[in-house]
Amino acid sequence: MTTDPHHAEYAGAIAGMAETYGSRWVPRPGDRVRCPRAFGGGYQPGVIAGPEDGAYLVDTAEGRLLMYLEELERITN
């Protein structure tokens, strides 16, 4: 048992980090995402069509785009 009075705070911070950074999201066909626009600035919604050579095909209003995982944000609601 620890005598550190901040142990609970450390444990909570570590648990929060594991929840945020511990699991890597793997996009699957049908997942809704937010991705950069192909033309101009800003973002747009899209749907994962499938994997493609280390990236992902995303169906958007601008057509089917090839995006890297780092460019995608999962829409959960």
N, C-alpha and C. Protein backbone atom coordinates (compact mmCIF):
# COMPACT_ATOMS: atom_id res chain seq x y z
N MET A 1 0.84 -1.18 0.00
CA MET A 1 0.00 0.00 0.00
C MET A 1 0.88 1.24 0.00
N THR A 2 0.45 2.25 -0.70
CA THR A 2 1.23 3.47 -0.80
C THR A 2 0.81 4.46 0.28
N THR A 3 1.74 5.31 0.65
CA THR A 3 1.43 6.36 1.61
C THR A 3 1.36 7.72 0.93
N ASP A 4 1.49 7.73 -0.38
CA ASP A 4 1.43 8.98 -1.13
C ASP A 4 0.00 9.52 -1.11
N PRO A 5 -0.23 10.72 -0.59
CA PRO A 5 -1.58 11.24 -0.53
C PRO A 5 -2.20 11.54 -1.90
N HIS A 6 -1.38 11.59 -2.92
CA HIS A 6 -1.88 11.91 -4.26
C HIS A 6 -2.06 10.66 -5.13
N HIS A 7 -1.98 9.49 -4.51
CA HIS A 7 -2.07 8.25 -5.26
C HIS A 7 -3.37 8.15 -6.06
N ALA A 8 -4.50 8.50 -5.46
CA ALA A 8 -5.78 8.42 -6.17
C ALA A 8 -5.80 9.35 -7.37
N GLU A 9 -5.18 10.53 -7.22
CA GLU A 9 -5.13 11.48 -8.34
C GLU A 9 -4.27 10.92 -9.48
N TYR A 10 -3.14 10.33 -9.15
CA TYR A 10 -2.28 9.72 -10.17
C TYR A 10 -3.01 8.59 -10.88
N ALA A 11 -3.67 7.75 -10.11
CA ALA A 11 -4.38 6.60 -10.69
C ALA A 11 -5.49 7.07 -11.62
N GLY A 12 -6.20 8.11 -11.22
CA GLY A 12 -7.26 8.64 -12.07
C GLY A 12 -6.73 9.22 -13.36
N ALA A 13 -5.60 9.92 -13.28
CA ALA A 13 -5.00 10.49 -14.49
C ALA A 13 -4.53 9.40 -15.43
N ILE A 14 -3.93 8.36 -14.91
CA ILE A 14 -3.46 7.25 -15.73
C ILE A 14 -4.63 6.53 -16.38
N ALA A 15 -5.71 6.33 -15.64
CA ALA A 15 -6.89 5.68 -16.20
C ALA A 15 -7.48 6.52 -17.33
N GLY A 16 -7.52 7.83 -17.15
CA GLY A 16 -8.02 8.71 -18.19
C GLY A 16 -7.15 8.68 -19.43
N MET A 17 -5.84 8.62 -19.26
CA MET A 17 -4.94 8.56 -20.40
C MET A 17 -5.12 7.24 -21.15
N ALA A 18 -5.27 6.16 -20.41
CA ALA A 18 -5.45 4.86 -21.06
C ALA A 18 -6.75 4.84 -21.85
N GLU A 19 -7.78 5.47 -21.32
CA GLU A 19 -9.07 5.51 -22.02
C GLU A 19 -8.95 6.33 -23.31
N THR A 20 -8.19 7.42 -23.26
CA THR A 20 -8.05 8.30 -24.41
C THR A 20 -7.04 7.77 -25.42
N TYR A 21 -5.89 7.33 -24.95
CA TYR A 21 -4.79 6.97 -25.84
C TYR A 21 -4.53 5.47 -25.93
N GLY A 22 -5.16 4.69 -25.07
CA GLY A 22 -4.84 3.28 -24.99
C GLY A 22 -5.32 2.43 -26.14
N SER A 23 -6.49 2.72 -26.67
CA SER A 23 -7.00 1.89 -27.74
C SER A 23 -7.02 2.69 -29.03
N ARG A 24 -6.57 2.07 -30.08
CA ARG A 24 -6.52 2.74 -31.36
C ARG A 24 -7.76 2.36 -32.16
N TRP A 25 -8.46 3.36 -32.65
CA TRP A 25 -9.66 3.15 -33.44
C TRP A 25 -9.26 2.65 -34.82
N VAL A 26 -9.91 1.61 -35.25
CA VAL A 26 -9.70 1.07 -36.60
C VAL A 26 -10.99 1.30 -37.37
N PRO A 27 -10.99 2.23 -38.34
CA PRO A 27 -12.21 2.50 -39.10
C PRO A 27 -12.69 1.26 -39.85
N ARG A 28 -13.99 1.09 -39.87
CA ARG A 28 -14.62 -0.02 -40.58
C ARG A 28 -15.62 0.55 -41.58
N PRO A 29 -15.87 -0.16 -42.67
CA PRO A 29 -16.86 0.31 -43.64
C PRO A 29 -18.19 0.63 -42.95
N GLY A 30 -18.74 1.79 -43.27
CA GLY A 30 -19.98 2.23 -42.68
C GLY A 30 -19.82 3.20 -41.52
N ASP A 31 -18.60 3.29 -40.95
CA ASP A 31 -18.36 4.25 -39.85
C ASP A 31 -18.51 5.67 -40.37
N ARG A 32 -19.23 6.49 -39.60
CA ARG A 32 -19.37 7.91 -39.94
C ARG A 32 -18.18 8.68 -39.41
N VAL A 33 -17.62 9.58 -40.25
CA VAL A 33 -16.42 10.33 -39.88
C VAL A 33 -16.55 11.79 -40.30
N ARG A 34 -15.64 12.58 -39.78
CA ARG A 34 -15.44 13.96 -40.21
C ARG A 34 -14.04 14.00 -40.80
N CYS A 35 -13.90 14.63 -41.98
CA CYS A 35 -12.61 14.67 -42.65
C CYS A 35 -12.43 16.02 -43.34
N PRO A 36 -11.19 16.38 -43.70
CA PRO A 36 -10.96 17.65 -44.39
C PRO A 36 -11.63 17.67 -45.76
N ARG A 37 -12.03 18.86 -46.19
CA ARG A 37 -12.57 19.04 -47.53
C ARG A 37 -11.45 18.88 -48.55
N ALA A 38 -11.77 18.40 -49.73
CA ALA A 38 -10.78 18.26 -50.79
C ALA A 38 -10.45 19.62 -51.40
N PHE A 39 -11.44 20.50 -51.45
CA PHE A 39 -11.25 21.82 -52.06
C PHE A 39 -11.64 22.88 -51.05
N GLY A 40 -10.82 23.89 -50.88
CA GLY A 40 -11.09 24.92 -49.89
C GLY A 40 -10.73 24.44 -48.50
N GLY A 41 -11.10 25.19 -47.50
CA GLY A 41 -10.79 24.81 -46.13
C GLY A 41 -11.98 24.19 -45.44
N GLY A 42 -11.76 23.75 -44.25
CA GLY A 42 -12.84 23.22 -43.44
C GLY A 42 -12.94 21.70 -43.49
N TYR A 43 -14.02 21.21 -42.91
CA TYR A 43 -14.25 19.79 -42.77
C TYR A 43 -15.62 19.42 -43.32
N GLN A 44 -15.80 18.14 -43.55
CA GLN A 44 -17.07 17.63 -44.05
C GLN A 44 -17.33 16.23 -43.48
N PRO A 45 -18.59 15.84 -43.40
CA PRO A 45 -18.89 14.48 -42.96
C PRO A 45 -18.68 13.49 -44.09
N GLY A 46 -18.45 12.25 -43.72
CA GLY A 46 -18.29 11.20 -44.70
C GLY A 46 -18.55 9.84 -44.08
N VAL A 47 -18.48 8.81 -44.91
CA VAL A 47 -18.68 7.43 -44.46
C VAL A 47 -17.53 6.59 -45.00
N ILE A 48 -16.93 5.78 -44.14
CA ILE A 48 -15.82 4.92 -44.56
C ILE A 48 -16.34 3.90 -45.57
N ALA A 49 -15.67 3.84 -46.73
CA ALA A 49 -16.01 2.86 -47.76
C ALA A 49 -15.14 1.62 -47.63
N GLY A 50 -13.91 1.79 -47.13
CA GLY A 50 -13.02 0.64 -46.95
C GLY A 50 -11.57 1.06 -46.88
N PRO A 51 -10.68 0.13 -46.49
CA PRO A 51 -9.25 0.41 -46.44
C PRO A 51 -8.64 0.42 -47.84
N GLU A 52 -7.52 1.15 -47.97
CA GLU A 52 -6.84 1.24 -49.26
C GLU A 52 -5.37 1.57 -49.02
N ASP A 53 -4.49 0.58 -49.10
CA ASP A 53 -3.04 0.79 -49.00
C ASP A 53 -2.61 1.68 -47.83
N GLY A 54 -3.01 1.34 -46.63
CA GLY A 54 -2.59 2.09 -45.44
C GLY A 54 -3.41 3.34 -45.19
N ALA A 55 -4.41 3.59 -45.99
CA ALA A 55 -5.30 4.74 -45.82
C ALA A 55 -6.74 4.22 -45.91
N TYR A 56 -7.68 5.14 -46.03
CA TYR A 56 -9.10 4.75 -46.07
C TYR A 56 -9.82 5.54 -47.15
N LEU A 57 -10.70 4.85 -47.87
CA LEU A 57 -11.58 5.51 -48.82
C LEU A 57 -12.79 6.02 -48.06
N VAL A 58 -13.12 7.30 -48.28
CA VAL A 58 -14.22 7.93 -47.57
C VAL A 58 -15.18 8.52 -48.59
N ASP A 59 -16.45 8.13 -48.52
CA ASP A 59 -17.47 8.71 -49.38
C ASP A 59 -17.95 10.01 -48.77
N THR A 60 -17.83 11.11 -49.54
CA THR A 60 -18.24 12.43 -49.08
C THR A 60 -19.09 13.09 -50.16
N ALA A 61 -19.60 14.28 -49.86
CA ALA A 61 -20.36 15.05 -50.85
C ALA A 61 -19.47 15.44 -52.03
N GLU A 62 -18.15 15.49 -51.83
CA GLU A 62 -17.21 15.84 -52.90
C GLU A 62 -16.75 14.61 -53.68
N GLY A 63 -17.27 13.46 -53.34
CA GLY A 63 -16.87 12.22 -54.00
C GLY A 63 -16.12 11.31 -53.06
N ARG A 64 -15.51 10.27 -53.59
CA ARG A 64 -14.76 9.31 -52.77
C ARG A 64 -13.33 9.83 -52.64
N LEU A 65 -12.90 10.04 -51.39
CA LEU A 65 -11.59 10.60 -51.11
C LEU A 65 -10.73 9.57 -50.39
N LEU A 66 -9.43 9.67 -50.56
CA LEU A 66 -8.47 8.81 -49.87
C LEU A 66 -7.90 9.61 -48.70
N MET A 67 -8.09 9.11 -47.48
CA MET A 67 -7.68 9.82 -46.27
C MET A 67 -6.85 8.91 -45.38
N TYR A 68 -5.89 9.51 -44.68
CA TYR A 68 -5.12 8.78 -43.68
C TYR A 68 -5.86 8.82 -42.35
N LEU A 69 -5.58 7.85 -41.49
CA LEU A 69 -6.25 7.76 -40.19
C LEU A 69 -6.14 9.06 -39.41
N GLU A 70 -4.99 9.73 -39.49
CA GLU A 70 -4.77 10.97 -38.75
C GLU A 70 -5.69 12.09 -39.20
N GLU A 71 -6.26 11.97 -40.39
CA GLU A 71 -7.15 13.01 -40.92
C GLU A 71 -8.61 12.77 -40.56
N LEU A 72 -8.90 11.62 -39.99
CA LEU A 72 -10.29 11.22 -39.72
C LEU A 72 -10.65 11.42 -38.25
N GLU A 73 -11.87 11.85 -38.03
CA GLU A 73 -12.42 11.95 -36.68
C GLU A 73 -13.73 11.19 -36.67
N ARG A 74 -13.83 10.22 -35.79
CA ARG A 74 -15.04 9.39 -35.72
C ARG A 74 -16.21 10.20 -35.18
N ILE A 75 -17.36 10.07 -35.82
CA ILE A 75 -18.60 10.70 -35.36
C ILE A 75 -19.37 9.61 -34.62
N THR A 76 -19.59 9.83 -33.32
CA THR A 76 -20.19 8.79 -32.51
C THR A 76 -21.67 8.99 -32.23
N ASN A 77 -22.22 10.15 -32.52
CA ASN A 77 -23.65 10.35 -32.23
C ASN A 77 -24.48 10.28 -33.46
